[in-house]
């Protein structure tokens, strides 16, 4: 075999090796990182209302407002409550809500949060037991994300697996709380629930159902990162 043939063979082997190495790096990276097909925010919430029907005479908050525990939200004027108090059927001390100086029922926030929805505005009549407003909590915010994972990828999912969530232009690391699988239309969907730390971004995005993006980091140190680290170590 002459020199030129040997050179061509060597070049072919090098090109083939580079191609195989590229495929390995690509596959390793694909296994290491996978994006969610859908993801949304979930925040603990509670409803504001009263067992007494009546008219909302004062509205202290609007949708999107941040509230503190004990803060006044609405004042309700109820003829039935007035009758029950005057007849002694119920005592003011037994009410779960406090009364205003003129006998109105003041509905206050149970804990810190954000006003997610208001169903009845000032001047509206509200039947007893109806939800006047919904307050979403600002702590304990979580994300629910669905992933289409291969068997090889699913085998890498652990409670310690990092979940990166994009919110308001910020990437936040979440902690997995549960992992479930279900089959639908021939596809296996992996649902991951993960808790987010207290968020230092606009409060309004805490609303349950707010869409977001999430990425599973199945390998914290994939091959391409190892090569980068080795190259840096060699240079320095």
Protein backbone atom coordinates (compact mmCIF):
# COMPACT_ATOMS: atom_id res chain seq x y z
CA UNK A 1 0.00 0.00 0.00
CA UNK A 2 1.51 3.26 -1.13
CA UNK A 3 1.70 6.44 0.94
CA UNK A 4 -1.38 8.12 -0.58
CA UNK A 5 -3.61 5.11 0.04
CA UNK A 6 -2.40 4.91 3.64
CA UNK A 7 -3.07 8.63 4.09
CA UNK A 8 -6.61 8.30 2.67
CA UNK A 9 -7.29 5.32 4.94
CA UNK A 10 -6.00 7.24 7.95
CA UNK A 11 -8.19 10.25 7.08
CA UNK A 12 -11.23 7.99 6.64
CA UNK A 13 -10.62 6.43 10.05
CA UNK A 14 -10.22 9.88 11.63
CA UNK A 15 -13.43 11.18 9.99
CA UNK A 16 -15.31 8.06 11.03
CA UNK A 17 -14.01 8.38 14.57
CA UNK A 18 -15.01 12.05 14.78
CA UNK A 19 -18.48 11.18 13.48
CA UNK A 20 -18.95 8.37 15.99
CA UNK A 21 -17.66 10.56 18.80
CA UNK A 22 -20.09 13.33 17.78
CA UNK A 23 -22.99 10.89 17.85
CA UNK A 24 -21.96 9.66 21.29
CA UNK A 25 -21.72 13.21 22.64
CA UNK A 26 -25.09 14.13 21.08
CA UNK A 27 -26.84 11.05 22.48
CA UNK A 28 -25.25 11.57 25.88
CA UNK A 29 -26.47 15.16 25.95
CA UNK A 30 -29.95 14.15 24.77
CA UNK A 31 -30.19 11.62 27.59
CA UNK A 32 -28.76 14.10 30.08
CA UNK A 33 -31.29 16.88 29.42
CA UNK A 34 -34.95 16.63 28.42
CA UNK A 35 -37.61 19.33 28.25
CA UNK A 36 -41.18 18.97 29.46
CA UNK A 37 -44.01 18.64 26.94
CA UNK A 38 -46.11 20.76 29.31
CA UNK A 39 -45.64 22.39 32.72
CA UNK A 40 -47.64 24.67 34.98
CA UNK A 41 -47.42 26.36 38.36
CA UNK A 42 -49.42 25.08 41.30
CA UNK A 43 -49.83 27.17 44.44
CA UNK A 44 -51.74 26.35 47.64
CA UNK A 45 -54.95 28.38 47.70
CA UNK A 46 -57.92 29.01 49.96
CA UNK A 47 -61.39 30.42 49.38
CA UNK A 48 -62.86 33.51 51.04
CA UNK A 49 -66.57 33.43 51.87
CA UNK A 50 -69.19 33.32 54.60
CA UNK A 51 -71.96 30.97 55.69
CA UNK A 52 -74.22 34.02 55.81
CA UNK A 53 -75.72 35.51 52.67
CA UNK A 54 -75.65 39.25 52.19
CA UNK A 55 -74.40 42.21 50.17
CA UNK A 56 -70.72 43.12 49.86
CA UNK A 57 -70.62 46.71 51.11
CA UNK A 58 -66.84 47.17 51.10
CA UNK A 59 -64.13 45.71 48.88
CA UNK A 60 -60.60 46.33 50.12
CA UNK A 61 -58.61 44.39 47.49
CA UNK A 62 -58.46 43.71 43.76
CA UNK A 63 -57.25 40.78 41.66
CA UNK A 64 -53.45 40.52 41.74
CA UNK A 65 -53.05 42.32 45.08
CA UNK A 66 -50.67 40.86 47.67
CA UNK A 67 -52.26 40.41 51.09
CA UNK A 68 -51.02 39.66 54.60
CA UNK A 69 -52.62 37.34 57.15
CA UNK A 70 -55.38 39.20 58.99
CA UNK A 71 -55.74 41.90 56.33
CA UNK A 72 -59.33 43.01 55.58
CA UNK A 73 -60.59 41.78 52.22
CA UNK A 74 -64.38 42.37 52.16
CA UNK A 75 -67.19 43.59 54.38
CA UNK A 76 -70.53 41.82 54.15
CA UNK A 77 -73.89 43.14 55.35
CA UNK A 78 -76.23 40.25 56.24
CA UNK A 79 -79.82 40.69 57.47
CA UNK A 80 -79.86 37.07 58.64
CA UNK A 81 -76.72 37.59 60.71
CA UNK A 82 -78.20 40.75 62.25
CA UNK A 83 -81.36 38.83 63.16
CA UNK A 84 -79.38 35.94 64.66
CA UNK A 85 -77.27 38.33 66.76
CA UNK A 86 -80.31 40.31 68.01
CA UNK A 87 -82.21 37.14 68.93
CA UNK A 88 -79.22 35.62 70.69
CA UNK A 89 -79.15 32.63 68.31
CA UNK A 90 -75.46 33.31 67.87
CA UNK A 91 -72.95 35.42 69.79
CA UNK A 92 -70.44 37.72 68.16
CA UNK A 93 -67.67 35.92 70.06
CA UNK A 94 -68.59 32.67 68.28
CA UNK A 95 -68.14 34.07 64.78
CA UNK A 96 -65.03 33.12 62.84
CA UNK A 97 -64.93 36.65 61.38
CA UNK A 98 -64.94 39.92 63.29
CA UNK A 99 -67.66 42.56 63.11
CA UNK A 100 -67.26 46.20 62.10
CA UNK A 101 -68.50 48.97 64.39
CA UNK A 102 -71.80 49.14 62.48
CA UNK A 103 -72.38 45.36 62.42
CA UNK A 104 -70.87 44.39 59.10
CA UNK A 105 -69.09 41.03 58.80
CA UNK A 106 -65.42 41.60 57.96
CA UNK A 107 -63.78 38.85 55.92
CA UNK A 108 -60.00 38.82 56.39
CA UNK A 109 -57.07 36.92 54.84
CA UNK A 110 -56.25 33.67 56.62
CA UNK A 111 -52.56 33.84 55.60
CA UNK A 112 -50.22 35.68 53.26
CA UNK A 113 -50.95 35.35 49.56
CA UNK A 114 -52.08 36.92 46.31
CA UNK A 115 -55.68 37.59 45.28
CA UNK A 116 -56.05 35.13 42.44
CA UNK A 117 -59.73 35.62 41.58
CA UNK A 118 -62.69 37.70 42.77
CA UNK A 119 -66.09 36.22 41.94
CA UNK A 120 -68.27 38.88 43.61
CA UNK A 121 -67.48 42.60 43.55
CA UNK A 122 -68.60 45.37 45.89
CA UNK A 123 -72.39 45.81 45.69
CA UNK A 124 -73.03 42.16 44.77
CA UNK A 125 -75.39 39.86 46.69
CA UNK A 126 -73.69 36.64 47.76
CA UNK A 127 -75.45 33.48 48.89
CA UNK A 128 -74.14 31.76 52.01
CA UNK A 129 -71.35 29.28 51.31
CA UNK A 130 -70.38 30.85 47.99
CA UNK A 131 -66.74 31.69 47.23
CA UNK A 132 -66.23 35.44 47.06
CA UNK A 133 -62.53 35.30 46.23
CA UNK A 134 -59.62 32.87 45.96
CA UNK A 135 -56.23 33.58 47.50
CA UNK A 136 -53.12 31.77 46.23
CA UNK A 137 -50.28 31.27 48.68
CA UNK A 138 -46.82 32.73 48.09
CA UNK A 139 -44.97 29.93 49.86
CA UNK A 140 -44.83 26.28 48.91
CA UNK A 141 -45.19 27.03 45.18
CA UNK A 142 -44.69 23.94 43.05
CA UNK A 143 -44.54 22.94 39.39
CA UNK A 144 -46.25 20.02 37.67
CA UNK A 145 -44.49 18.92 34.48
CA UNK A 146 -45.13 16.15 31.95
CA UNK A 147 -42.24 14.47 30.13
CA UNK A 148 -42.11 11.89 27.34
CA UNK A 149 -39.11 9.82 28.42
CA UNK A 150 -37.47 6.78 26.91
CA UNK A 151 -36.82 3.81 29.16
CA UNK A 152 -33.15 4.80 29.37
CA UNK A 153 -34.07 8.35 30.37
CA UNK A 154 -36.70 7.26 32.91
CA UNK A 155 -34.13 4.99 34.59
CA UNK A 156 -32.07 8.10 35.35
CA UNK A 157 -34.91 9.98 37.12
CA UNK A 158 -34.37 10.04 40.88
CA UNK A 159 -35.70 12.19 43.75
CA UNK A 160 -32.38 14.05 43.63
CA UNK A 161 -32.66 14.79 39.90
CA UNK A 162 -32.53 18.52 39.22
CA UNK A 163 -35.55 20.22 37.64
CA UNK A 164 -34.89 23.65 36.15
CA UNK A 165 -37.96 25.89 35.86
CA UNK A 166 -38.19 29.06 33.79
CA UNK A 167 -40.28 31.81 35.40
CA UNK A 168 -40.29 35.49 34.60
CA UNK A 169 -36.98 35.20 32.75
CA UNK A 170 -35.37 33.50 35.75
CA UNK A 171 -34.16 29.88 35.96
CA UNK A 172 -35.01 28.29 39.31
CA UNK A 173 -33.92 24.87 40.59
CA UNK A 174 -36.83 22.84 41.98
CA UNK A 175 -36.83 19.77 44.26
CA UNK A 176 -38.77 16.69 43.11
CA UNK A 177 -41.56 15.57 45.48
CA UNK A 178 -43.18 12.84 43.37
CA UNK A 179 -42.72 10.94 40.10
CA UNK A 180 -45.57 9.02 38.40
CA UNK A 181 -46.05 7.32 35.04
CA UNK A 182 -49.17 6.72 32.97
CA UNK A 183 -49.85 5.49 29.42
CA UNK A 184 -52.01 7.42 26.97
CA UNK A 185 -52.53 6.75 23.24
CA UNK A 186 -49.54 4.46 23.13
CA UNK A 187 -47.24 6.97 24.83
CA UNK A 188 -45.88 6.79 28.35
CA UNK A 189 -46.04 10.12 30.16
CA UNK A 190 -43.90 10.78 33.22
CA UNK A 191 -45.38 13.41 35.54
CA UNK A 192 -42.99 15.16 37.90
CA UNK A 193 -44.10 17.37 40.79
CA UNK A 194 -41.42 19.58 42.28
CA UNK A 195 -41.29 22.30 44.93
CA UNK A 196 -39.84 25.71 44.21
CA UNK A 197 -38.09 27.85 46.80
CA UNK A 198 -39.63 31.18 47.77
CA UNK A 199 -39.71 33.11 44.54
CA UNK A 200 -38.16 36.54 44.24
CA UNK A 201 -40.19 37.49 41.18
CA UNK A 202 -43.49 39.17 40.36
CA UNK A 203 -46.19 37.83 42.70
CA UNK A 204 -48.90 37.58 40.03
CA UNK A 205 -47.29 34.53 38.41
CA UNK A 206 -48.04 32.46 41.50
CA UNK A 207 -51.57 31.78 40.24
CA UNK A 208 -52.34 28.09 39.87
CA UNK A 209 -52.26 27.01 36.24
CA UNK A 210 -49.74 29.60 35.08
CA UNK A 211 -47.83 27.89 32.22
CA UNK A 212 -44.06 27.62 32.39
CA UNK A 213 -41.21 25.51 31.01
CA UNK A 214 -39.29 22.83 32.86
CA UNK A 215 -36.20 20.76 32.08
CA UNK A 216 -34.98 17.57 33.72
CA UNK A 217 -31.22 17.38 34.25
CA UNK A 218 -30.83 13.60 34.17
CA UNK A 219 -27.04 13.72 34.38
CA UNK A 220 -25.37 16.53 36.28
CA UNK A 221 -22.04 15.82 34.55
CA UNK A 222 -22.64 14.66 30.94
CA UNK A 223 -19.79 13.66 28.65
CA UNK A 224 -19.45 17.02 26.88
CA UNK A 225 -19.08 18.79 30.25
CA UNK A 226 -16.47 16.26 31.34
CA UNK A 227 -14.52 16.97 28.16
CA UNK A 228 -14.78 20.72 28.76
CA UNK A 229 -13.48 20.28 32.30
CA UNK A 230 -10.63 18.06 31.12
CA UNK A 231 -9.66 20.56 28.41
CA UNK A 232 -9.64 23.43 30.90
CA UNK A 233 -7.54 21.41 33.34
CA UNK A 234 -5.07 20.54 30.58
CA UNK A 235 -4.79 24.19 29.45
CA UNK A 236 -4.22 25.49 32.96
